[in-house]
Amino acid sequence: QVQVVESGGGFVQPGGSLKLSCTFSGLLFNLYAIKWYRQAPGKLRELVAHITNTGYTNYANSVKGRFTISRDDSESTVYLQMNALKPEDTGIYYCNTNEYWGQGTQVTVSS
């Protein structure tokens, strides 16, 4: 049974930083590309960042230069370092591979 657990969300002021973590179990993690999505209130879920099993990364234009996705295959964990946060980054952040989703972690950016 595959489990996906996100953590690291919270409340931060504009310009602040957060680091999200997502740990997988029940699959051969090093074989999978992993994606981070977010969903703001009243909006569709959007892809934020993507990392392949070989470490290639890609980002939404809205977060390029501010967010960094990385992975530690020994820990079956993917990270999302978020810097220079803006109020529009507020939302629930989910990680995903194939049909597997976590429960999400809330990020709120507000003064």
Foldseek 3Di string as FASTA:
>chain_A
DKAKAKDWADEEEAQAKIKMKIAIPDDQLLQWKKWKWWDDPPGDIDTAKIAGSVGDIDGDPVQPPFWDWDDDSVRRMIMIIGGRDDQVVFGWMWMDTDPDIHPTDGHGYHD
